[in-house]
Amino acid sequence: MKELQPSASHCFVCGVENRFGLHIRFYDTAPDEVMAEISIPAQYQGYPGIVHGGIIAAMLDEVASRVYFRGEPPRVVVTGKLNVRYRKPVPVETPLRLVGRGVEDKGKICLAKGEVWSMAGELLAEADVTAFEVPMNFLEGYSPVSADDWRIYPEQTELERGEA
């Protein structure tokens, strides 16, 4: 099982039209698992050659919460608690694997784990996430977000191909 998950157009982590974003594509790989592969550009480094810790936290937050991002329309959860452990420096411009795993689904409260791995199988960073289910219209009055804003985009957008 490897099924592409929906993305939003301008999300920093997954947004396919956010020219400043990471453009990460997430895939359901098992009933309680999500995976993505990415190489982080040097523009997101903190120390020279090392991915900034805030970028790592954002990736862990996203991959962990996406374990519960399923269904039609997708189930929406927001992070209430993110506990990150940075194990080793995460190098820029190096292929990485992100893995999210469900730990416990208590209905409105969900526990998940996010991990950043090197392609050699080294665990570089991990996070425990507590997320809360919210209705799709939870931002009503603040943002025009709707179920239609989350969809499957073509594998490559004009921006990803450098045509924008």
N, C-alpha and C. Protein backbone atom coordinates (compact mmCIF):
# COMPACT_ATOMS: atom_id res chain seq x y z
N MET A 1 0.85 -1.19 0.00
CA MET A 1 0.00 0.00 0.00
C MET A 1 0.89 1.24 0.00
N LYS A 2 0.75 2.07 -1.01
CA LYS A 2 1.43 3.35 -1.04
C LYS A 2 0.51 4.31 -1.78
N GLU A 3 -0.27 5.07 -1.00
CA GLU A 3 -1.26 5.96 -1.57
C GLU A 3 -0.95 7.40 -1.19
N LEU A 4 -0.90 8.27 -2.19
CA LEU A 4 -0.61 9.68 -1.98
C LEU A 4 -1.71 10.33 -1.15
N GLN A 5 -1.32 11.09 -0.14
CA GLN A 5 -2.28 11.83 0.68
C GLN A 5 -2.55 13.20 0.06
N PRO A 6 -3.70 13.79 0.39
CA PRO A 6 -3.99 15.15 -0.08
C PRO A 6 -3.00 16.16 0.50
N SER A 7 -2.86 17.26 -0.19
CA SER A 7 -2.04 18.38 0.26
C SER A 7 -2.87 19.64 0.21
N ALA A 8 -2.40 20.67 0.86
CA ALA A 8 -3.00 22.00 0.75
C ALA A 8 -2.11 22.80 -0.20
N SER A 9 -2.66 23.82 -0.78
CA SER A 9 -1.88 24.57 -1.76
C SER A 9 -0.75 25.38 -1.13
N HIS A 10 -0.95 25.95 0.06
CA HIS A 10 0.06 26.86 0.61
C HIS A 10 0.62 26.47 1.97
N CYS A 11 0.39 25.26 2.42
CA CYS A 11 1.00 24.79 3.67
C CYS A 11 2.52 24.87 3.54
N PHE A 12 3.21 25.28 4.59
CA PHE A 12 4.67 25.36 4.54
C PHE A 12 5.31 23.99 4.29
N VAL A 13 4.78 22.95 4.90
CA VAL A 13 5.40 21.62 4.77
C VAL A 13 4.96 20.91 3.49
N CYS A 14 3.66 20.86 3.21
CA CYS A 14 3.18 20.07 2.08
C CYS A 14 2.70 20.91 0.90
N GLY A 15 2.54 22.19 1.06
CA GLY A 15 1.92 23.03 0.04
C GLY A 15 2.66 23.03 -1.28
N VAL A 16 1.99 22.56 -2.32
CA VAL A 16 2.63 22.43 -3.63
C VAL A 16 2.78 23.78 -4.34
N GLU A 17 2.06 24.80 -3.88
CA GLU A 17 2.17 26.11 -4.51
C GLU A 17 2.88 27.14 -3.62
N ASN A 18 3.43 26.69 -2.50
CA ASN A 18 4.15 27.60 -1.60
C ASN A 18 5.61 27.65 -2.05
N ARG A 19 6.00 28.73 -2.68
CA ARG A 19 7.36 28.79 -3.25
C ARG A 19 8.45 28.79 -2.17
N PHE A 20 8.08 29.06 -0.93
CA PHE A 20 9.06 29.03 0.16
C PHE A 20 9.00 27.72 0.95
N GLY A 21 8.05 26.87 0.62
CA GLY A 21 7.80 25.66 1.39
C GLY A 21 8.69 24.48 1.03
N LEU A 22 8.44 23.38 1.74
CA LEU A 22 9.23 22.16 1.57
C LEU A 22 8.68 21.23 0.50
N HIS A 23 7.40 21.37 0.13
CA HIS A 23 6.76 20.57 -0.92
C HIS A 23 6.84 19.07 -0.66
N ILE A 24 6.69 18.66 0.57
CA ILE A 24 6.80 17.23 0.90
C ILE A 24 5.51 16.51 0.52
N ARG A 25 5.65 15.39 -0.14
CA ARG A 25 4.53 14.54 -0.54
C ARG A 25 4.45 13.38 0.44
N PHE A 26 3.31 13.18 1.07
CA PHE A 26 3.12 12.14 2.08
C PHE A 26 2.30 10.99 1.51
N TYR A 27 2.69 9.78 1.90
CA TYR A 27 2.03 8.58 1.40
C TYR A 27 1.58 7.70 2.57
N ASP A 28 0.36 7.18 2.46
CA ASP A 28 -0.08 6.14 3.38
C ASP A 28 0.66 4.87 2.97
N THR A 29 1.36 4.25 3.91
CA THR A 29 2.13 3.04 3.58
C THR A 29 1.63 1.82 4.34
N ALA A 30 0.81 2.03 5.35
CA ALA A 30 0.19 0.96 6.14
C ALA A 30 -0.99 1.59 6.86
N PRO A 31 -1.87 0.77 7.47
CA PRO A 31 -3.04 1.35 8.14
C PRO A 31 -2.71 2.43 9.17
N ASP A 32 -1.62 2.32 9.88
CA ASP A 32 -1.24 3.34 10.88
C ASP A 32 0.14 3.91 10.60
N GLU A 33 0.48 4.08 9.31
CA GLU A 33 1.82 4.58 8.98
C GLU A 33 1.77 5.48 7.75
N VAL A 34 2.56 6.54 7.83
CA VAL A 34 2.72 7.50 6.73
C VAL A 34 4.21 7.66 6.49
N MET A 35 4.59 7.87 5.22
CA MET A 35 5.99 8.01 4.88
C MET A 35 6.17 9.11 3.84
N ALA A 36 7.34 9.72 3.86
CA ALA A 36 7.73 10.70 2.85
C ALA A 36 9.23 10.63 2.69
N GLU A 37 9.70 11.00 1.52
CA GLU A 37 11.14 11.10 1.28
C GLU A 37 11.42 12.50 0.78
N ILE A 38 12.52 13.06 1.26
CA ILE A 38 12.85 14.45 0.94
C ILE A 38 14.35 14.67 1.12
N SER A 39 14.86 15.63 0.41
CA SER A 39 16.21 16.15 0.62
C SER A 39 16.02 17.65 0.89
N ILE A 40 16.42 18.11 2.05
CA ILE A 40 16.16 19.49 2.45
C ILE A 40 17.21 20.42 1.83
N PRO A 41 16.77 21.44 1.10
CA PRO A 41 17.70 22.38 0.48
C PRO A 41 18.51 23.17 1.52
N ALA A 42 19.68 23.61 1.12
CA ALA A 42 20.60 24.33 2.02
C ALA A 42 19.98 25.62 2.57
N GLN A 43 18.99 26.18 1.91
CA GLN A 43 18.38 27.42 2.39
C GLN A 43 17.67 27.23 3.73
N TYR A 44 17.46 25.97 4.16
CA TYR A 44 16.80 25.69 5.43
C TYR A 44 17.78 25.22 6.50
N GLN A 45 19.02 25.57 6.35
CA GLN A 45 20.01 25.16 7.35
C GLN A 45 20.06 26.13 8.51
N GLY A 46 20.50 25.61 9.65
CA GLY A 46 20.79 26.42 10.82
C GLY A 46 22.31 26.56 10.84
N TYR A 47 22.97 25.63 11.51
CA TYR A 47 24.43 25.57 11.41
C TYR A 47 24.79 25.16 9.99
N PRO A 48 25.95 25.55 9.48
CA PRO A 48 26.32 25.20 8.11
C PRO A 48 26.22 23.70 7.86
N GLY A 49 25.46 23.35 6.83
CA GLY A 49 25.31 21.97 6.42
C GLY A 49 24.29 21.16 7.21
N ILE A 50 23.65 21.77 8.20
CA ILE A 50 22.73 21.06 9.09
C ILE A 50 21.34 21.70 8.99
N VAL A 51 20.30 20.87 8.85
CA VAL A 51 18.93 21.38 8.78
C VAL A 51 18.58 22.07 10.10
N HIS A 52 17.95 23.23 10.00
CA HIS A 52 17.53 23.99 11.19
C HIS A 52 16.57 23.14 12.02
N GLY A 53 16.70 23.20 13.33
CA GLY A 53 15.86 22.42 14.23
C GLY A 53 14.38 22.72 14.09
N GLY A 54 14.03 23.95 13.76
CA GLY A 54 12.62 24.31 13.56
C GLY A 54 12.03 23.63 12.33
N ILE A 55 12.83 23.46 11.32
CA ILE A 55 12.38 22.75 10.11
C ILE A 55 12.17 21.28 10.44
N ILE A 56 13.09 20.71 11.21
CA ILE A 56 12.95 19.31 11.63
C ILE A 56 11.67 19.14 12.44
N ALA A 57 11.42 20.05 13.38
CA ALA A 57 10.20 19.97 14.20
C ALA A 57 8.95 20.07 13.33
N ALA A 58 8.96 20.94 12.34
CA ALA A 58 7.81 21.08 11.44
C ALA A 58 7.56 19.78 10.68
N MET A 59 8.62 19.14 10.20
CA MET A 59 8.46 17.88 9.46
C MET A 59 7.94 16.78 10.37
N LEU A 60 8.45 16.70 11.59
CA LEU A 60 7.98 15.69 12.54
C LEU A 60 6.52 15.91 12.92
N ASP A 61 6.15 17.15 13.14
CA ASP A 61 4.77 17.51 13.46
C ASP A 61 3.84 17.04 12.34
N GLU A 62 4.21 17.34 11.11
CA GLU A 62 3.36 17.01 9.96
C GLU A 62 3.26 15.50 9.73
N VAL A 63 4.38 14.81 9.74
CA VAL A 63 4.34 13.37 9.44
C VAL A 63 3.59 12.60 10.53
N ALA A 64 3.72 13.02 11.78
CA ALA A 64 3.01 12.35 12.87
C ALA A 64 1.51 12.58 12.78
N SER A 65 1.09 13.81 12.56
CA SER A 65 -0.35 14.10 12.53
C SER A 65 -1.01 13.52 11.29
N ARG A 66 -0.28 13.32 10.23
CA ARG A 66 -0.87 12.77 9.00
C ARG A 66 -1.25 11.30 9.12
N VAL A 67 -0.81 10.63 10.16
CA VAL A 67 -1.24 9.25 10.39
C VAL A 67 -2.76 9.20 10.51
N TYR A 68 -3.36 10.25 11.07
CA TYR A 68 -4.80 10.29 11.29
C TYR A 68 -5.54 11.09 10.22
N PHE A 69 -4.83 11.56 9.23
CA PHE A 69 -5.39 12.39 8.16
C PHE A 69 -5.89 11.48 7.04
N ARG A 70 -7.03 10.85 7.27
CA ARG A 70 -7.58 9.88 6.33
C ARG A 70 -9.08 10.03 6.23
N GLY A 71 -9.66 9.44 5.19
CA GLY A 71 -11.09 9.47 5.01
C GLY A 71 -11.51 10.51 3.99
N GLU A 72 -12.80 10.56 3.70
CA GLU A 72 -13.36 11.51 2.76
C GLU A 72 -14.53 12.24 3.40
N PRO A 73 -14.46 13.51 3.74
CA PRO A 73 -13.25 14.31 3.68
C PRO A 73 -12.26 13.84 4.74
N PRO A 74 -11.00 14.25 4.60
CA PRO A 74 -10.00 13.78 5.56
C PRO A 74 -10.31 14.20 6.99
N ARG A 75 -9.97 13.34 7.92
CA ARG A 75 -10.08 13.66 9.34
C ARG A 75 -9.02 14.72 9.63
N VAL A 76 -9.39 15.76 10.35
CA VAL A 76 -8.46 16.85 10.63
C VAL A 76 -8.06 16.81 12.10
N VAL A 77 -6.76 16.80 12.34
CA VAL A 77 -6.24 16.89 13.70
C VAL A 77 -5.23 18.03 13.76
N VAL A 78 -5.14 18.64 14.92
CA VAL A 78 -4.14 19.68 15.16
C VAL A 78 -3.27 19.25 16.33
N THR A 79 -2.03 19.66 16.31
CA THR A 79 -1.10 19.27 17.34
C THR A 79 -1.31 20.09 18.60
N GLY A 80 -1.43 19.40 19.72
CA GLY A 80 -1.54 20.04 21.02
C GLY A 80 -0.23 19.98 21.77
N LYS A 81 0.56 18.95 21.48
CA LYS A 81 1.84 18.78 22.17
C LYS A 81 2.82 18.09 21.22
N LEU A 82 4.02 18.62 21.14
CA LEU A 82 5.08 18.08 20.30
C LEU A 82 6.34 17.99 21.13
N ASN A 83 6.81 16.78 21.37
CA ASN A 83 8.01 16.56 22.16
C ASN A 83 9.08 16.00 21.22
N VAL A 84 10.08 16.82 20.88
CA VAL A 84 11.10 16.45 19.89
C VAL A 84 12.39 16.03 20.58
N ARG A 85 12.99 14.99 20.03
CA ARG A 85 14.33 14.58 20.47
C ARG A 85 15.24 14.58 19.24
N TYR A 86 16.21 15.45 19.26
CA TYR A 86 17.20 15.54 18.18
C TYR A 86 18.34 14.59 18.53
N ARG A 87 18.48 13.52 17.78
CA ARG A 87 19.48 12.50 18.10
C ARG A 87 20.83 12.77 17.44
N LYS A 88 20.82 13.16 16.18
CA LYS A 88 22.05 13.42 15.42
C LYS A 88 21.78 14.58 14.47
N PRO A 89 22.83 15.27 14.04
CA PRO A 89 22.62 16.35 13.07
C PRO A 89 21.96 15.80 11.80
N VAL A 90 21.01 16.55 11.27
CA VAL A 90 20.32 16.17 10.04
C VAL A 90 20.95 17.00 8.91
N PRO A 91 21.64 16.35 7.98
CA PRO A 91 22.33 17.10 6.94
C PRO A 91 21.39 17.63 5.86
N VAL A 92 21.71 18.82 5.34
CA VAL A 92 20.97 19.36 4.20
C VAL A 92 21.40 18.62 2.94
N GLU A 93 20.56 18.73 1.92
CA GLU A 93 20.85 18.19 0.59
C GLU A 93 21.26 16.71 0.62
N THR A 94 20.61 15.96 1.51
CA THR A 94 20.85 14.53 1.66
C THR A 94 19.49 13.84 1.73
N PRO A 95 19.29 12.75 1.00
CA PRO A 95 17.99 12.07 1.05
C PRO A 95 17.65 11.60 2.47
N LEU A 96 16.41 11.87 2.86
CA LEU A 96 15.90 11.52 4.18
C LEU A 96 14.56 10.80 4.02
N ARG A 97 14.23 10.00 5.02
CA ARG A 97 12.91 9.35 5.06
C ARG A 97 12.21 9.81 6.33
N LEU A 98 10.98 10.29 6.16
CA LEU A 98 10.13 10.67 7.29
C LEU A 98 9.10 9.56 7.48
N VAL A 99 8.89 9.16 8.73
CA VAL A 99 7.92 8.12 9.03
C VAL A 99 7.04 8.59 10.18
N GLY A 100 5.74 8.44 10.02
CA GLY A 100 4.78 8.72 11.08
C GLY A 100 4.04 7.44 11.41
N ARG A 101 3.87 7.18 12.70
CA ARG A 101 3.18 5.96 13.13
C ARG A 101 2.14 6.32 14.19
N GLY A 102 0.97 5.70 14.05
CA GLY A 102 -0.05 5.87 15.06
C GLY A 102 0.32 5.10 16.31
N VAL A 103 0.11 5.70 17.47
CA VAL A 103 0.39 5.05 18.75
C VAL A 103 -0.92 4.65 19.41
N GLU A 104 -1.87 5.61 19.50
CA GLU A 104 -3.16 5.32 20.11
C GLU A 104 -4.19 6.33 19.62
N ASP A 105 -5.32 5.83 19.17
CA ASP A 105 -6.42 6.68 18.73
C ASP A 105 -7.52 6.60 19.78
N LYS A 106 -7.68 7.68 20.54
CA LYS A 106 -8.68 7.72 21.60
C LYS A 106 -9.93 8.47 21.16
N GLY A 107 -10.12 8.60 19.87
CA GLY A 107 -11.27 9.35 19.36
C GLY A 107 -10.88 10.78 19.10
N LYS A 108 -11.21 11.66 20.02
CA LYS A 108 -10.87 13.09 19.84
C LYS A 108 -9.40 13.38 20.13
N ILE A 109 -8.73 12.49 20.84
CA ILE A 109 -7.31 12.65 21.15
C ILE A 109 -6.55 11.50 20.49
N CYS A 110 -5.47 11.85 19.79
CA CYS A 110 -4.67 10.86 19.08
C CYS A 110 -3.20 11.01 19.47
N LEU A 111 -2.54 9.88 19.67
CA LEU A 111 -1.11 9.88 19.97
C LEU A 111 -0.38 9.30 18.77
N ALA A 112 0.74 9.93 18.39
CA ALA A 112 1.50 9.48 17.23
C ALA A 112 2.99 9.70 17.47
N LYS A 113 3.78 9.09 16.62
CA LYS A 113 5.22 9.23 16.67
C LYS A 113 5.70 9.64 15.28
N GLY A 114 6.62 10.58 15.22
CA GLY A 114 7.25 10.98 13.97
C GLY A 114 8.74 10.71 14.04
N GLU A 115 9.32 10.34 12.91
CA GLU A 115 10.76 10.04 12.88
C GLU A 115 11.38 10.57 11.60
N VAL A 116 12.65 10.99 11.71
CA VAL A 116 13.47 11.37 10.56
C VAL A 116 14.62 10.37 10.51
N TRP A 117 14.75 9.68 9.38
CA TRP A 117 15.77 8.65 9.19
C TRP A 117 16.70 9.02 8.04
N SER A 118 17.96 8.63 8.17
CA SER A 118 18.86 8.69 7.02
C SER A 118 18.51 7.50 6.13
N MET A 119 18.92 7.54 4.89
CA MET A 119 18.66 6.41 4.00
C MET A 119 19.52 5.20 4.38
N ALA A 120 20.52 5.42 5.22
CA ALA A 120 21.35 4.31 5.72
C ALA A 120 20.71 3.65 6.94
N GLY A 121 19.55 4.15 7.37
CA GLY A 121 18.84 3.54 8.49
C GLY A 121 19.18 4.08 9.86
N GLU A 122 19.75 5.28 9.90
CA GLU A 122 20.07 5.93 11.19
C GLU A 122 18.91 6.83 11.61
N LEU A 123 18.45 6.68 12.85
CA LEU A 123 17.42 7.56 13.39
C LEU A 123 18.07 8.89 13.76
N LEU A 124 17.64 9.97 13.12
CA LEU A 124 18.27 11.28 13.32
C LEU A 124 17.47 12.17 14.27
N ALA A 125 16.14 12.04 14.25
CA ALA A 125 15.28 12.84 15.12
C ALA A 125 13.95 12.12 15.26
N GLU A 126 13.28 12.36 16.40
CA GLU A 126 11.98 11.73 16.62
C GLU A 126 11.12 12.64 17.47
N ALA A 127 9.82 12.42 17.40
CA ALA A 127 8.89 13.23 18.19
C ALA A 127 7.70 12.39 18.61
N ASP A 128 7.21 12.70 19.80
CA ASP A 128 5.94 12.17 20.28
C ASP A 128 4.94 13.31 20.15
N VAL A 129 3.78 13.00 19.57
CA VAL A 129 2.77 14.03 19.29
C VAL A 129 1.45 13.64 19.92
N THR A 130 0.83 14.63 20.57
CA THR A 130 -0.55 14.51 21.01
C THR A 130 -1.35 15.46 20.13
N ALA A 131 -2.32 14.91 19.40
CA ALA A 131 -3.12 15.70 18.48
C ALA A 131 -4.59 15.61 18.86
N PHE A 132 -5.33 16.63 18.48
CA PHE A 132 -6.75 16.72 18.80
C PHE A 132 -7.56 16.83 17.53
N GLU A 133 -8.61 16.01 17.42
CA GLU A 133 -9.48 16.07 16.25
C GLU A 133 -10.32 17.34 16.31
N VAL A 134 -10.43 18.00 15.16
CA VAL A 134 -11.24 19.21 15.04
C VAL A 134 -12.09 19.10 13.77
N PRO A 135 -13.22 19.80 13.72
CA PRO A 135 -14.02 19.78 12.49
C PRO A 135 -13.29 20.53 11.38
N MET A 136 -13.57 20.17 10.12
CA MET A 136 -12.92 20.83 8.98
C MET A 136 -13.12 22.35 9.03
N ASN A 137 -14.24 22.82 9.56
CA ASN A 137 -14.53 24.26 9.58
C ASN A 137 -14.02 24.94 10.86
N PHE A 138 -13.06 24.33 11.56
CA PHE A 138 -12.60 24.89 12.84
C PHE A 138 -12.00 26.28 12.69
N LEU A 139 -11.57 26.66 11.50
CA LEU A 139 -11.00 28.00 11.30
C LEU A 139 -12.02 28.99 10.73
N GLU A 140 -13.28 28.59 10.72
CA GLU A 140 -14.31 29.46 10.17
C GLU A 140 -14.26 30.82 10.86
N GLY A 141 -14.26 31.86 10.06
CA GLY A 141 -14.15 33.21 10.60
C GLY A 141 -12.71 33.70 10.64
N TYR A 142 -11.73 32.78 10.57
CA TYR A 142 -10.32 33.16 10.58
C TYR A 142 -9.67 32.91 9.23
N SER A 143 -10.14 31.89 8.54
CA SER A 143 -9.52 31.47 7.30
C SER A 143 -10.56 30.82 6.41
N PRO A 144 -10.43 30.96 5.10
CA PRO A 144 -11.40 30.33 4.19
C PRO A 144 -11.09 28.85 3.93
N VAL A 145 -10.57 28.13 4.91
CA VAL A 145 -10.23 26.72 4.75
C VAL A 145 -11.50 25.89 4.63
N SER A 146 -11.51 24.97 3.69
CA SER A 146 -12.62 24.04 3.54
C SER A 146 -12.07 22.70 3.10
N ALA A 147 -12.91 21.70 3.06
CA ALA A 147 -12.49 20.37 2.63
C ALA A 147 -11.95 20.42 1.21
N ASP A 148 -12.43 21.35 0.40
CA ASP A 148 -11.97 21.46 -0.99
C ASP A 148 -10.52 21.94 -1.09
N ASP A 149 -10.00 22.57 -0.03
CA ASP A 149 -8.62 23.05 -0.05
C ASP A 149 -7.62 21.92 0.09
N TRP A 150 -8.07 20.76 0.55
CA TRP A 150 -7.20 19.58 0.69
C TRP A 150 -7.52 18.64 -0.45
N ARG A 151 -6.55 18.40 -1.32
CA ARG A 151 -6.80 17.51 -2.45
C ARG A 151 -5.50 16.91 -2.96
N ILE A 152 -5.64 15.96 -3.83
CA ILE A 152 -4.48 15.36 -4.47
C ILE A 152 -4.10 16.26 -5.63
N TYR A 153 -2.86 16.71 -5.66
CA TYR A 153 -2.34 17.52 -6.75
C TYR A 153 -1.54 16.63 -7.68
N PRO A 154 -1.34 17.03 -8.92
CA PRO A 154 -0.49 16.23 -9.80
C PRO A 154 0.89 16.03 -9.16
N GLU A 155 1.58 14.96 -9.55
CA GLU A 155 2.88 14.64 -8.96
C GLU A 155 3.85 15.81 -9.04
N GLN A 156 3.80 16.60 -10.09
CA GLN A 156 4.67 17.77 -10.20
C GLN A 156 3.84 18.98 -10.59
N THR A 157 4.04 20.07 -9.89
CA THR A 157 3.38 21.31 -10.28
C THR A 157 4.36 22.11 -11.12
N GLU A 158 3.88 23.17 -11.75
CA GLU A 158 4.78 24.03 -12.53
C GLU A 158 5.90 24.56 -11.64
N LEU A 159 5.59 24.89 -10.38
CA LEU A 159 6.59 25.42 -9.47
C LEU A 159 7.68 24.40 -9.21
N GLU A 160 7.30 23.13 -8.96
CA GLU A 160 8.28 22.08 -8.68
C GLU A 160 9.18 21.82 -9.89
N ARG A 161 8.64 22.05 -11.10
CA ARG A 161 9.43 21.84 -12.31
C ARG A 161 10.26 23.08 -12.64
N GLY A 162 10.07 24.17 -11.89
CA GLY A 162 10.82 25.39 -12.14
C GLY A 162 10.24 26.22 -13.25
N GLU A 163 8.97 26.00 -13.60
CA GLU A 163 8.36 26.73 -14.71
C GLU A 163 7.58 27.95 -14.24
N ALA A 164 7.45 28.14 -12.93
CA ALA A 164 6.66 29.26 -12.42
C ALA A 164 7.52 30.49 -12.26
